[in-house]
Protein backbone atom coordinates (compact mmCIF):
# COMPACT_ATOMS: atom_id res chain seq x y z
CA MET A 1 168.90 77.72 57.78
CA ASN A 2 168.60 77.97 53.99
CA SER A 3 167.09 80.90 52.13
CA ILE A 4 163.72 79.26 51.30
CA ARG A 5 163.10 78.69 55.02
CA GLN A 6 163.72 82.39 55.64
CA VAL A 7 160.92 83.52 53.32
CA VAL A 8 158.27 80.88 54.06
CA ASP A 9 155.90 81.58 56.95
CA LYS A 10 157.24 80.03 60.16
CA LYS A 11 153.87 78.49 61.04
CA ILE A 12 153.67 76.76 57.67
CA LEU A 13 157.18 75.40 58.21
CA ARG A 14 156.26 74.05 61.64
CA ILE A 15 153.16 72.34 60.21
CA VAL A 16 155.11 70.83 57.32
CA ASP A 17 157.91 69.74 59.68
CA VAL A 18 155.39 67.77 61.77
CA LEU A 19 154.32 65.79 58.72
CA LEU A 20 157.88 65.41 57.43
CA LYS A 21 158.93 63.65 60.64
CA ASN A 22 156.83 60.66 59.61
CA PRO A 23 155.59 61.11 56.02
CA ALA A 24 153.69 57.81 55.96
CA GLN A 25 151.57 58.70 59.00
CA ILE A 26 148.08 60.15 58.72
CA TYR A 27 147.40 63.07 61.08
CA HIS A 28 144.30 64.57 62.64
CA LEU A 29 144.15 68.37 62.45
CA GLN A 30 144.29 68.73 66.23
CA LYS A 31 147.43 66.55 66.43
CA ILE A 32 149.12 68.70 63.78
CA SER A 33 148.15 71.83 65.72
CA ILE A 34 149.51 70.51 69.02
CA ASP A 35 152.76 69.14 67.59
CA ALA A 36 153.43 72.26 65.51
CA LYS A 37 152.48 74.58 68.40
CA VAL A 38 150.22 76.54 66.07
CA PRO A 39 146.68 77.58 67.12
CA LEU A 40 143.97 75.22 65.86
CA GLY A 41 142.20 77.87 63.75
CA THR A 42 145.45 78.89 62.09
CA THR A 43 146.38 75.25 61.53
CA HIS A 44 143.00 74.65 59.90
CA ARG A 45 143.45 77.61 57.55
CA LEU A 46 147.03 76.71 56.60
CA VAL A 47 146.35 72.98 56.18
CA LYS A 48 143.41 73.86 53.91
CA LYS A 49 145.73 76.03 51.79
CA LEU A 50 148.33 73.27 51.64
CA SER A 51 145.64 70.72 50.75
CA ASP A 52 144.19 72.97 48.04
CA ALA A 53 147.70 73.31 46.60
CA GLU A 54 147.94 69.49 46.74
CA PHE A 55 150.89 69.43 49.14
CA PHE A 56 148.77 67.47 51.63
CA GLU A 57 146.33 64.68 50.86
CA VAL A 58 142.99 64.56 52.65
CA VAL A 59 141.90 61.12 53.82
CA HIS A 60 138.22 60.80 54.80
CA VAL A 61 137.49 58.31 57.56
CA GLY A 62 133.81 58.46 58.37
CA LYS A 63 133.12 62.13 59.02
CA SER A 64 136.73 62.85 59.98
CA ARG A 65 139.34 64.40 57.75
CA LEU A 66 142.90 63.24 58.21
CA TYR A 67 145.97 64.57 56.46
CA ARG A 68 149.25 63.25 55.10
CA LEU A 69 151.97 64.49 52.79
CA ASN A 70 151.31 64.15 49.10
CA LYS A 71 154.07 61.81 47.93
CA THR A 72 154.01 63.29 44.42
CA LYS A 73 155.31 66.58 45.90
CA GLU A 74 158.43 65.04 47.49
CA LYS A 75 160.85 67.21 45.50
CA GLU A 76 159.25 70.40 46.82
CA PHE A 77 159.61 69.15 50.40
CA GLU A 78 163.28 68.24 49.85
CA VAL A 79 164.00 71.95 49.35
CA LEU A 80 162.57 72.70 52.80
CA GLN A 81 164.63 69.99 54.47
CA LYS A 82 168.03 71.31 53.31
């Protein structure tokens, strides 16, 4: 485990890892929560923070919000994968 993974919140890492498994896929918040094994409320709060920081893109489909990795932030995610 590299040093950046040691200082970043474990729940954030689990959420990001879910999206890194298939970066092209669009995820529903509940699916992220289940796959990351993070409570739904916590997932909502952390995904909002990551979206506000533009690490995740929000895709609106009807009234639903779906999420995917922001491809312009790929270099930042590479650090987490090492």
